[in-house]
């Protein structure tokens, strides 16, 4: 059987990262808090790791995963969060280090 390639868009990767972060809707987070939570989740799990955790939550707890993802997607849209240049590639499993980001900008 062929494996299916899953391509993450930037907005999907951000929503997944916010979904798996510790940030809660009840905290009414600012755009800066959202951006920090997304960056922390990407650093901790990578974009694919965040997607895997989202899938796990939808499998185990769909009744709470659905409203949390709605909140995450709406928050991403409202906050207009944009990642720092070179912060991560949507399909990558990890965040590039400062040296890698520097080399990619120089190229």
PDB file of N, CA and C in Angstrom:
ATOM      1  N   UNK A   1       0.838  -1.174   0.000  1.00  0.00           N
ATOM      2  CA  UNK A   1       0.000   0.000   0.000  1.00  0.00           C
ATOM      3  C   UNK A   1       0.886   1.241   0.000  1.00  0.00           C
ATOM      4  N   UNK A   2       0.524   2.224  -0.794  1.00  0.00           N
ATOM      5  CA  UNK A   2       1.276   3.482  -0.845  1.00  0.00           C
ATOM      6  C   UNK A   2       0.933   4.342   0.358  1.00  0.00           C
ATOM      7  N   UNK A   3       1.932   5.031   0.855  1.00  0.00           N
ATOM      8  CA  UNK A   3       1.639   5.962   1.940  1.00  0.00           C
ATOM      9  C   UNK A   3       1.219   7.297   1.339  1.00  0.00           C
ATOM     10  N   UNK A   4       0.347   7.974   2.018  1.00  0.00           N
ATOM     11  CA  UNK A   4      -0.155   9.261   1.556  1.00  0.00           C
ATOM     12  C   UNK A   4       0.705  10.368   2.142  1.00  0.00           C
ATOM     13  N   UNK A   5       1.112  11.285   1.308  1.00  0.00           N
ATOM     14  CA  UNK A   5       1.874  12.432   1.785  1.00  0.00           C
ATOM     15  C   UNK A   5       0.894  13.477   2.274  1.00  0.00           C
ATOM     16  N   UNK A   6       1.151  13.989   3.469  1.00  0.00           N
ATOM     17  CA  UNK A   6       0.289  15.001   4.065  1.00  0.00           C
ATOM     18  C   UNK A   6       1.014  16.328   3.986  1.00  0.00           C
ATOM     19  N   UNK A   7       0.490  17.258   3.200  1.00  0.00           N
ATOM     20  CA  UNK A   7       1.100  18.568   3.056  1.00  0.00           C
ATOM     21  C   UNK A   7       0.392  19.556   3.988  1.00  0.00           C
ATOM     22  N   UNK A   8       1.157  20.133   4.882  1.00  0.00           N
ATOM     23  CA  UNK A   8       0.600  21.116   5.804  1.00  0.00           C
ATOM     24  C   UNK A   8       0.699  22.511   5.213  1.00  0.00           C
ATOM     25  N   UNK A   9      -0.385  23.254   5.268  1.00  0.00           N
ATOM     26  CA  UNK A   9      -0.299  24.664   4.919  1.00  0.00           C
ATOM     27  C   UNK A   9       0.197  25.397   6.163  1.00  0.00           C
ATOM     28  N   UNK A  10       0.659  26.600   5.988  1.00  0.00           N
ATOM     29  CA  UNK A  10       1.148  27.384   7.123  1.00  0.00           C
ATOM     30  C   UNK A  10       0.027  27.613   8.132  1.00  0.00           C
ATOM     31  N   UNK A  11      -1.159  27.976   7.656  1.00  0.00           N
ATOM     32  CA  UNK A  11      -2.253  28.229   8.596  1.00  0.00           C
ATOM     33  C   UNK A  11      -2.669  26.952   9.320  1.00  0.00           C
ATOM     34  N   UNK A  12      -2.630  25.819   8.637  1.00  0.00           N
ATOM     35  CA  UNK A  12      -2.954  24.547   9.293  1.00  0.00           C
ATOM     36  C   UNK A  12      -1.902  24.204  10.331  1.00  0.00           C
ATOM     37  N   UNK A  13      -0.639  24.405  10.003  1.00  0.00           N
ATOM     38  CA  UNK A  13       0.437  24.122  10.960  1.00  0.00           C
ATOM     39  C   UNK A  13       0.306  25.016  12.187  1.00  0.00           C
ATOM     40  N   UNK A  14      -0.040  26.283  11.989  1.00  0.00           N
ATOM     41  CA  UNK A  14      -0.232  27.201  13.121  1.00  0.00           C
ATOM     42  C   UNK A  14      -1.408  26.766  13.984  1.00  0.00           C
ATOM     43  N   UNK A  15      -2.522  26.421  13.342  1.00  0.00           N
ATOM     44  CA  UNK A  15      -3.702  25.988  14.089  1.00  0.00           C
ATOM     45  C   UNK A  15      -3.406  24.709  14.867  1.00  0.00           C
ATOM     46  N   UNK A  16      -2.718  23.765  14.245  1.00  0.00           N
ATOM     47  CA  UNK A  16      -2.340  22.532  14.940  1.00  0.00           C
ATOM     48  C   UNK A  16      -1.454  22.834  16.148  1.00  0.00           C
ATOM     49  N   UNK A  17      -0.486  23.729  15.956  1.00  0.00           N
ATOM     50  CA  UNK A  17       0.423  24.080  17.054  1.00  0.00           C
ATOM     51  C   UNK A  17      -0.333  24.759  18.193  1.00  0.00           C
ATOM     52  N   UNK A  18      -1.248  25.652  17.865  1.00  0.00           N
ATOM     53  CA  UNK A  18      -2.041  26.306  18.901  1.00  0.00           C
ATOM     54  C   UNK A  18      -2.940  25.289  19.603  1.00  0.00           C
ATOM     55  N   UNK A  19      -3.506  24.367  18.845  1.00  0.00           N
ATOM     56  CA  UNK A  19      -4.361  23.321  19.394  1.00  0.00           C
ATOM     57  C   UNK A  19      -3.613  22.507  20.449  1.00  0.00           C
ATOM     58  N   UNK A  20      -2.367  22.126  20.183  1.00  0.00           N
ATOM     59  CA  UNK A  20      -1.621  21.273  21.122  1.00  0.00           C
ATOM     60  C   UNK A  20      -0.893  22.070  22.201  1.00  0.00           C
ATOM     61  N   UNK A  21      -0.929  23.386  22.102  1.00  0.00           N
ATOM     62  CA  UNK A  21      -0.261  24.213  23.112  1.00  0.00           C
ATOM     63  C   UNK A  21      -1.040  24.189  24.422  1.00  0.00           C
ATOM     64  N   UNK A  22      -0.426  24.734  25.452  1.00  0.00           N
ATOM     65  CA  UNK A  22      -1.069  24.813  26.766  1.00  0.00           C
ATOM     66  C   UNK A  22      -2.016  26.006  26.868  1.00  0.00           C
ATOM     67  N   UNK A  23      -2.015  26.876  25.874  1.00  0.00           N
ATOM     68  CA  UNK A  23      -2.861  28.066  25.897  1.00  0.00           C
ATOM     69  C   UNK A  23      -4.330  27.670  25.887  1.00  0.00           C
ATOM     70  N   UNK A  24      -5.134  28.347  26.696  1.00  0.00           N
ATOM     71  CA  UNK A  24      -6.557  28.031  26.809  1.00  0.00           C
ATOM     72  C   UNK A  24      -7.414  29.193  26.323  1.00  0.00           C
ATOM     73  N   UNK A  25      -8.546  28.857  25.753  1.00  0.00           N
ATOM     74  CA  UNK A  25      -9.489  29.863  25.270  1.00  0.00           C
ATOM     75  C   UNK A  25      -9.920  30.790  26.407  1.00  0.00           C
ATOM     76  N   UNK A  26     -10.099  30.232  27.592  1.00  0.00           N
ATOM     77  CA  UNK A  26     -10.557  31.016  28.744  1.00  0.00           C
ATOM     78  C   UNK A  26      -9.571  32.113  29.150  1.00  0.00           C
ATOM     79  N   UNK A  27      -8.317  31.985  28.712  1.00  0.00           N
ATOM     80  CA  UNK A  27      -7.300  32.995  29.021  1.00  0.00           C
ATOM     81  C   UNK A  27      -7.438  34.239  28.148  1.00  0.00           C
ATOM     82  N   UNK A  28      -8.261  34.145  27.092  1.00  0.00           N
ATOM     83  CA  UNK A  28      -8.408  35.226  26.122  1.00  0.00           C
ATOM     84  C   UNK A  28      -7.034  35.780  25.725  1.00  0.00           C
ATOM     85  N   UNK A  29      -6.209  34.939  25.096  1.00  0.00           N
ATOM     86  CA  UNK A  29      -4.824  35.316  24.810  1.00  0.00           C
ATOM     87  C   UNK A  29      -4.693  36.440  23.793  1.00  0.00           C
ATOM     88  N   UNK A  30      -3.648  37.219  23.966  1.00  0.00           N
ATOM     89  CA  UNK A  30      -3.321  38.275  23.006  1.00  0.00           C
ATOM     90  C   UNK A  30      -2.624  37.640  21.802  1.00  0.00           C
ATOM     91  N   UNK A  31      -2.460  38.423  20.749  1.00  0.00           N
ATOM     92  CA  UNK A  31      -1.751  37.936  19.557  1.00  0.00           C
ATOM     93  C   UNK A  31      -0.326  37.518  19.914  1.00  0.00           C
ATOM     94  N   UNK A  32       0.321  38.258  20.799  1.00  0.00           N
ATOM     95  CA  UNK A  32       1.691  37.915  21.209  1.00  0.00           C
ATOM     96  C   UNK A  32       1.711  36.587  21.954  1.00  0.00           C
ATOM     97  N   UNK A  33       0.743  36.361  22.833  1.00  0.00           N
ATOM     98  CA  UNK A  33       0.677  35.087  23.560  1.00  0.00           C
ATOM     99  C   UNK A  33       0.429  33.922  22.603  1.00  0.00           C
ATOM    100  N   UNK A  34      -0.414  34.150  21.617  1.00  0.00           N
ATOM    101  CA  UNK A  34      -0.696  33.123  20.615  1.00  0.00           C
ATOM    102  C   UNK A  34       0.575  32.787  19.854  1.00  0.00           C
ATOM    103  N   UNK A  35       1.284  33.810  19.421  1.00  0.00           N
ATOM    104  CA  UNK A  35       2.523  33.591  18.664  1.00  0.00           C
ATOM    105  C   UNK A  35       3.544  32.824  19.494  1.00  0.00           C
ATOM    106  N   UNK A  36       3.682  33.179  20.768  1.00  0.00           N
ATOM    107  CA  UNK A  36       4.616  32.467  21.650  1.00  0.00           C
ATOM    108  C   UNK A  36       4.198  31.013  21.855  1.00  0.00           C
ATOM    109  N   UNK A  37       2.910  30.780  22.020  1.00  0.00           N
ATOM    110  CA  UNK A  37       2.417  29.409  22.211  1.00  0.00           C
ATOM    111  C   UNK A  37       2.663  28.560  20.964  1.00  0.00           C
ATOM    112  N   UNK A  38       2.448  29.135  19.801  1.00  0.00           N
ATOM    113  CA  UNK A  38       2.685  28.419  18.547  1.00  0.00           C
ATOM    114  C   UNK A  38       4.164  28.087  18.407  1.00  0.00           C
ATOM    115  N   UNK A  39       5.014  29.062  18.655  1.00  0.00           N
ATOM    116  CA  UNK A  39       6.459  28.832  18.551  1.00  0.00           C
ATOM    117  C   UNK A  39       6.916  27.750  19.517  1.00  0.00           C
ATOM    118  N   UNK A  40       6.404  27.767  20.741  1.00  0.00           N
ATOM    119  CA  UNK A  40       6.794  26.764  21.738  1.00  0.00           C
ATOM    120  C   UNK A  40       6.352  25.359  21.314  1.00  0.00           C
ATOM    121  N   UNK A  41       5.141  25.244  20.776  1.00  0.00           N
ATOM    122  CA  UNK A  41       4.650  23.936  20.341  1.00  0.00           C
ATOM    123  C   UNK A  41       5.442  23.408  19.151  1.00  0.00           C
ATOM    124  N   UNK A  42       5.779  24.284  18.213  1.00  0.00           N
ATOM    125  CA  UNK A  42       6.576  23.872  17.053  1.00  0.00           C
ATOM    126  C   UNK A  42       7.971  23.428  17.501  1.00  0.00           C
ATOM    127  N   UNK A  43       8.557  24.181  18.440  1.00  0.00           N
ATOM    128  CA  UNK A  43       9.867  23.780  18.971  1.00  0.00           C
ATOM    129  C   UNK A  43       9.792  22.425  19.671  1.00  0.00           C
ATOM    130  N   UNK A  44       8.749  22.221  20.434  1.00  0.00           N
ATOM    131  CA  UNK A  44       8.624  20.998  21.221  1.00  0.00           C
ATOM    132  C   UNK A  44       8.294  19.767  20.376  1.00  0.00           C
ATOM    133  N   UNK A  45       7.394  19.914  19.400  1.00  0.00           N
ATOM    134  CA  UNK A  45       6.883  18.745  18.687  1.00  0.00           C
ATOM    135  C   UNK A  45       7.162  18.737  17.195  1.00  0.00           C
ATOM    136  N   UNK A  46       7.516  19.892  16.606  1.00  0.00           N
ATOM    137  CA  UNK A  46       7.635  19.995  15.158  1.00  0.00           C
ATOM    138  C   UNK A  46       6.249  20.081  14.538  1.00  0.00           C
ATOM    139  N   UNK A  47       6.170  20.518  13.308  1.00  0.00           N
ATOM    140  CA  UNK A  47       4.870  20.675  12.640  1.00  0.00           C
ATOM    141  C   UNK A  47       4.162  19.338  12.490  1.00  0.00           C
ATOM    142  N   UNK A  48       4.890  18.319  12.097  1.00  0.00           N
ATOM    143  CA  UNK A  48       4.274  16.996  11.935  1.00  0.00           C
ATOM    144  C   UNK A  48       3.878  16.399  13.277  1.00  0.00           C
ATOM    145  N   UNK A  49       4.677  16.642  14.295  1.00  0.00           N
ATOM    146  CA  UNK A  49       4.337  16.161  15.628  1.00  0.00           C
ATOM    147  C   UNK A  49       3.068  16.802  16.152  1.00  0.00           C
ATOM    148  N   UNK A  50       2.887  18.090  15.871  1.00  0.00           N
ATOM    149  CA  UNK A  50       1.647  18.775  16.260  1.00  0.00           C
ATOM    150  C   UNK A  50       0.467  18.147  15.538  1.00  0.00           C
ATOM    151  N   UNK A  51       0.623  17.899  14.244  1.00  0.00           N
ATOM    152  CA  UNK A  51      -0.459  17.281  13.464  1.00  0.00           C
ATOM    153  C   UNK A  51      -0.800  15.898  14.015  1.00  0.00           C
ATOM    154  N   UNK A  52       0.210  15.146  14.405  1.00  0.00           N
ATOM    155  CA  UNK A  52      -0.028  13.810  14.970  1.00  0.00           C
ATOM    156  C   UNK A  52      -0.776  13.900  16.292  1.00  0.00           C
ATOM    157  N   UNK A  53      -0.437  14.872  17.122  1.00  0.00           N
ATOM    158  CA  UNK A  53      -1.131  15.047  18.402  1.00  0.00           C
ATOM    159  C   UNK A  53      -2.580  15.487  18.188  1.00  0.00           C
ATOM    160  N   UNK A  54      -2.807  16.320  17.179  1.00  0.00           N
ATOM    161  CA  UNK A  54      -4.177  16.719  16.853  1.00  0.00           C
ATOM    162  C   UNK A  54      -4.977  15.478  16.457  1.00  0.00           C
ATOM    163  N   UNK A  55      -4.415  14.650  15.590  1.00  0.00           N
ATOM    164  CA  UNK A  55      -5.099  13.437  15.149  1.00  0.00           C
ATOM    165  C   UNK A  55      -5.407  12.525  16.339  1.00  0.00           C
ATOM    166  N   UNK A  56      -4.459  12.403  17.243  1.00  0.00           N
ATOM    167  CA  UNK A  56      -4.666  11.575  18.428  1.00  0.00           C
ATOM    168  C   UNK A  56      -5.830  12.107  19.272  1.00  0.00           C
ATOM    169  N   UNK A  57      -5.864  13.416  19.475  1.00  0.00           N
ATOM    170  CA  UNK A  57      -6.945  14.009  20.268  1.00  0.00           C
ATOM    171  C   UNK A  57      -8.302  13.826  19.598  1.00  0.00           C
ATOM    172  N   UNK A  58      -8.356  13.968  18.265  1.00  0.00           N
ATOM    173  CA  UNK A  58      -9.617  13.771  17.563  1.00  0.00           C
ATOM    174  C   UNK A  58     -10.059  12.314  17.673  1.00  0.00           C
ATOM    175  N   UNK A  59      -9.117  11.392  17.709  1.00  0.00           N
ATOM    176  CA  UNK A  59      -9.459   9.978  17.867  1.00  0.00           C
ATOM    177  C   UNK A  59      -9.918   9.636  19.269  1.00  0.00           C
ATOM    178  N   UNK A  60      -9.264  10.207  20.277  1.00  0.00           N
ATOM    179  CA  UNK A  60      -9.560   9.860  21.664  1.00  0.00           C
ATOM    180  C   UNK A  60     -10.656  10.721  22.292  1.00  0.00           C
ATOM    181  N   UNK A  61     -10.716  11.988  21.936  1.00  0.00           N
ATOM    182  CA  UNK A  61     -11.655  12.918  22.565  1.00  0.00           C
ATOM    183  C   UNK A  61     -12.291  13.854  21.531  1.00  0.00           C
ATOM    184  N   UNK A  62     -13.052  13.314  20.569  1.00  0.00           N
ATOM    185  CA  UNK A  62     -13.614  14.179  19.527  1.00  0.00           C
ATOM    186  C   UNK A  62     -14.557  15.249  20.072  1.00  0.00           C
ATOM    187  N   UNK A  63     -15.214  14.970  21.175  1.00  0.00           N
ATOM    188  CA  UNK A  63     -16.172  15.925  21.739  1.00  0.00           C
ATOM    189  C   UNK A  63     -15.487  17.199  22.236  1.00  0.00           C
ATOM    190  N   UNK A  64     -14.232  17.125  22.636  1.00  0.00           N
ATOM    191  CA  UNK A  64     -13.512  18.328  23.060  1.00  0.00           C
ATOM    192  C   UNK A  64     -12.566  18.840  21.976  1.00  0.00           C
ATOM    193  N   UNK A  65     -12.146  17.947  21.071  1.00  0.00           N
ATOM    194  CA  UNK A  65     -11.216  18.349  20.018  1.00  0.00           C
ATOM    195  C   UNK A  65     -11.868  19.289  19.009  1.00  0.00           C
ATOM    196  N   UNK A  66     -13.118  19.034  18.685  1.00  0.00           N
ATOM    197  CA  UNK A  66     -13.806  19.856  17.675  1.00  0.00           C
ATOM    198  C   UNK A  66     -13.896  21.320  18.112  1.00  0.00           C
ATOM    199  N   UNK A  67     -14.411  21.617  19.310  1.00  0.00           N
ATOM    200  CA  UNK A  67     -14.466  23.039  19.694  1.00  0.00           C
ATOM    201  C   UNK A  67     -13.081  23.658  19.885  1.00  0.00           C
ATOM    202  N   UNK A  68     -12.104  22.870  20.330  1.00  0.00           N
ATOM    203  CA  UNK A  68     -10.758  23.422  20.499  1.00  0.00           C
ATOM    204  C   UNK A  68     -10.155  23.792  19.142  1.00  0.00           C
ATOM    205  N   UNK A  69     -10.363  22.955  18.126  1.00  0.00           N
ATOM    206  CA  UNK A  69      -9.831  23.273  16.802  1.00  0.00           C
ATOM    207  C   UNK A  69     -10.567  24.469  16.208  1.00  0.00           C
ATOM    208  N   UNK A  70     -11.863  24.572  16.425  1.00  0.00           N
ATOM    209  CA  UNK A  70     -12.589  25.760  15.952  1.00  0.00           C
ATOM    210  C   UNK A  70     -11.990  27.016  16.575  1.00  0.00           C
ATOM    211  N   UNK A  71     -11.735  26.951  17.878  1.00  0.00           N
ATOM    212  CA  UNK A  71     -11.125  28.091  18.571  1.00  0.00           C
ATOM    213  C   UNK A  71      -9.737  28.383  17.998  1.00  0.00           C
ATOM    214  N   UNK A  72      -8.925  27.343  17.805  1.00  0.00           N
ATOM    215  CA  UNK A  72      -7.560  27.537  17.294  1.00  0.00           C
ATOM    216  C   UNK A  72      -7.584  28.189  15.917  1.00  0.00           C
ATOM    217  N   UNK A  73      -8.433  27.696  15.020  1.00  0.00           N
ATOM    218  CA  UNK A  73      -8.497  28.255  13.663  1.00  0.00           C
ATOM    219  C   UNK A  73      -9.017  29.688  13.679  1.00  0.00           C
ATOM    220  N   UNK A  74     -10.030  29.951  14.492  1.00  0.00           N
ATOM    221  CA  UNK A  74     -10.566  31.317  14.586  1.00  0.00           C
ATOM    222  C   UNK A  74      -9.530  32.260  15.185  1.00  0.00           C
ATOM    223  N   UNK A  75      -8.797  31.784  16.168  1.00  0.00           N
ATOM    224  CA  UNK A  75      -7.771  32.614  16.816  1.00  0.00           C
ATOM    225  C   UNK A  75      -6.642  32.928  15.850  1.00  0.00           C
ATOM    226  N   UNK A  76      -6.230  31.953  15.066  1.00  0.00           N
ATOM    227  CA  UNK A  76      -5.179  32.166  14.061  1.00  0.00           C
ATOM    228  C   UNK A  76      -5.629  33.231  13.074  1.00  0.00           C
ATOM    229  N   UNK A  77      -6.864  33.142  12.635  1.00  0.00           N
ATOM    230  CA  UNK A  77      -7.399  34.108  11.674  1.00  0.00           C
ATOM    231  C   UNK A  77      -7.471  35.505  12.279  1.00  0.00           C
ATOM    232  N   UNK A  78      -8.021  35.602  13.495  1.00  0.00           N
ATOM    233  CA  UNK A  78      -8.163  36.900  14.165  1.00  0.00           C
ATOM    234  C   UNK A  78      -6.818  37.532  14.496  1.00  0.00           C
ATOM    235  N   UNK A  79      -5.910  36.737  14.991  1.00  0.00           N
ATOM    236  CA  UNK A  79      -4.631  37.275  15.442  1.00  0.00           C
ATOM    237  C   UNK A  79      -3.707  37.608  14.274  1.00  0.00           C
ATOM    238  N   UNK A  80      -4.031  37.061  13.098  1.00  0.00           N
ATOM    239  CA  UNK A  80      -3.171  37.255  11.923  1.00  0.00           C
ATOM    240  C   UNK A  80      -1.719  37.000  12.292  1.00  0.00           C
ATOM    241  N   UNK A  81      -1.503  35.872  12.946  1.00  0.00           N
ATOM    242  CA  UNK A  81      -0.169  35.503  13.410  1.00  0.00           C
ATOM    243  C   UNK A  81       0.668  35.109  12.214  1.00  0.00           C
ATOM    244  N   UNK A  82       1.835  35.717  12.092  1.00  0.00           N
ATOM    245  CA  UNK A  82       2.748  35.324  11.032  1.00  0.00           C
ATOM    246  C   UNK A  82       4.056  34.884  11.675  1.00  0.00           C
ATOM    247  N   UNK A  83       4.594  33.750  11.225  1.00  0.00           N
ATOM    248  CA  UNK A  83       5.827  33.258  11.818  1.00  0.00           C
ATOM    249  C   UNK A  83       7.003  34.151  11.470  1.00  0.00           C
ATOM    250  N   UNK A  84       8.002  34.104  12.305  1.00  0.00           N
ATOM    251  CA  UNK A  84       9.235  34.826  12.013  1.00  0.00           C
ATOM    252  C   UNK A  84       9.846  34.243  10.750  1.00  0.00           C
ATOM    253  N   UNK A  85      10.531  35.054   9.928  1.00  0.00           N
ATOM    254  CA  UNK A  85      11.150  34.530   8.714  1.00  0.00           C
ATOM    255  C   UNK A  85      12.070  33.360   9.038  1.00  0.00           C
ATOM    256  N   UNK A  86      11.881  32.262   8.329  1.00  0.00           N
ATOM    257  CA  UNK A  86      12.727  31.099   8.534  1.00  0.00           C
ATOM    258  C   UNK A  86      12.408  30.333   9.801  1.00  0.00           C
ATOM    259  N   UNK A  87      11.260  30.588  10.443  1.00  0.00           N
ATOM    260  CA  UNK A  87      10.941  29.932  11.712  1.00  0.00           C
ATOM    261  C   UNK A  87      10.757  28.432  11.533  1.00  0.00           C
ATOM    262  N   UNK A  88       9.990  28.026  10.525  1.00  0.00           N
ATOM    263  CA  UNK A  88       9.836  26.605  10.243  1.00  0.00           C
ATOM    264  C   UNK A  88       9.222  26.428   8.881  1.00  0.00           C
ATOM    265  N   UNK A  89       9.444  25.241   8.341  1.00  0.00           N
ATOM    266  CA  UNK A  89       8.782  24.871   7.100  1.00  0.00           C
ATOM    267  C   UNK A  89       7.606  23.995   7.480  1.00  0.00           C
ATOM    268  N   UNK A  90       6.462  24.186   6.857  1.00  0.00           N
ATOM    269  CA  UNK A  90       5.230  23.505   7.245  1.00  0.00           C
ATOM    270  C   UNK A  90       5.384  21.988   7.286  1.00  0.00           C
ATOM    271  N   UNK A  91       6.136  21.402   6.397  1.00  0.00           N
ATOM    272  CA  UNK A  91       6.274  19.957   6.372  1.00  0.00           C
ATOM    273  C   UNK A  91       7.433  19.426   7.174  1.00  0.00           C
ATOM    274  N   UNK A  92       8.178  20.289   7.822  1.00  0.00           N
ATOM    275  CA  UNK A  92       9.355  19.833   8.546  1.00  0.00           C
ATOM    276  C   UNK A  92       8.971  19.231   9.882  1.00  0.00           C
ATOM    277  N   UNK A  93       9.860  18.422  10.400  1.00  0.00           N
ATOM    278  CA  UNK A  93       9.614  17.783  11.687  1.00  0.00           C
ATOM    279  C   UNK A  93      10.230  18.577  12.827  1.00  0.00           C
ATOM    280  N   UNK A  94      10.989  19.609  12.515  1.00  0.00           N
ATOM    281  CA  UNK A  94      11.629  20.387  13.573  1.00  0.00           C
ATOM    282  C   UNK A  94      11.847  21.810  13.118  1.00  0.00           C
ATOM    283  N   UNK A  95      12.223  22.654  14.044  1.00  0.00           N
ATOM    284  CA  UNK A  95      12.490  24.053  13.756  1.00  0.00           C
ATOM    285  C   UNK A  95      13.960  24.198  13.425  1.00  0.00           C
ATOM    286  N   UNK A  96      14.326  24.877  12.332  1.00  0.00           N
ATOM    287  CA  UNK A  96      15.737  25.059  12.028  1.00  0.00           C
ATOM    288  C   UNK A  96      16.404  25.937  13.083  1.00  0.00           C
ATOM    289  N   UNK A  97      17.645  25.660  13.342  1.00  0.00           N
ATOM    290  CA  UNK A  97      18.396  26.465  14.304  1.00  0.00           C
ATOM    291  C   UNK A  97      18.806  27.797  13.716  1.00  0.00           C
ATOM    292  N   UNK A  98      19.351  28.656  14.551  1.00  0.00           N
ATOM    293  CA  UNK A  98      19.749  29.994  14.104  1.00  0.00           C
ATOM    294  C   UNK A  98      20.762  29.915  12.972  1.00  0.00           C
ATOM    295  N   UNK A  99      21.689  28.987  13.049  1.00  0.00           N
ATOM    296  CA  UNK A  99      22.705  28.865  12.015  1.00  0.00           C
ATOM    297  C   UNK A  99      22.067  28.479  10.682  1.00  0.00           C
ATOM    298  N   UNK A 100      21.144  27.515  10.701  1.00  0.00           N
ATOM    299  CA  UNK A 100      20.482  27.105   9.473  1.00  0.00           C
ATOM    300  C   UNK A 100      19.658  28.238   8.889  1.00  0.00           C
ATOM    301  N   UNK A 101      18.948  28.973   9.734  1.00  0.00           N
ATOM    302  CA  UNK A 101      18.145  30.084   9.245  1.00  0.00           C
ATOM    303  C   UNK A 101      19.039  31.134   8.608  1.00  0.00           C
ATOM    304  N   UNK A 102      20.214  31.393   9.235  1.00  0.00           N
ATOM    305  CA  UNK A 102      21.151  32.368   8.699  1.00  0.00           C
ATOM    306  C   UNK A 102      21.653  31.921   7.336  1.00  0.00           C
ATOM    307  N   UNK A 103      21.990  30.637   7.201  1.00  0.00           N
ATOM    308  CA  UNK A 103      22.491  30.145   5.921  1.00  0.00           C
ATOM    309  C   UNK A 103      21.424  30.207   4.841  1.00  0.00           C
ATOM    310  N   UNK A 104      20.163  29.920   5.200  1.00  0.00           N
ATOM    311  CA  UNK A 104      19.123  29.948   4.189  1.00  0.00           C
ATOM    312  C   UNK A 104      18.832  31.357   3.708  1.00  0.00           C
ATOM    313  N   UNK A 105      19.008  32.357   4.576  1.00  0.00           N
ATOM    314  CA  UNK A 105      18.796  33.741   4.150  1.00  0.00           C
ATOM    315  C   UNK A 105      19.945  34.215   3.271  1.00  0.00           C
ATOM    316  N   UNK A 106      21.130  33.689   3.507  1.00  0.00           N
ATOM    317  CA  UNK A 106      22.285  34.141   2.738  1.00  0.00           C
ATOM    318  C   UNK A 106      22.266  33.559   1.327  1.00  0.00           C
ATOM    319  N   UNK A 107      21.582  32.452   1.134  1.00  0.00           N
ATOM    320  CA  UNK A 107      21.586  31.774  -0.159  1.00  0.00           C
ATOM    321  C   UNK A 107      20.761  32.497  -1.194  1.00  0.00           C
TER     322      UNK A 107
END
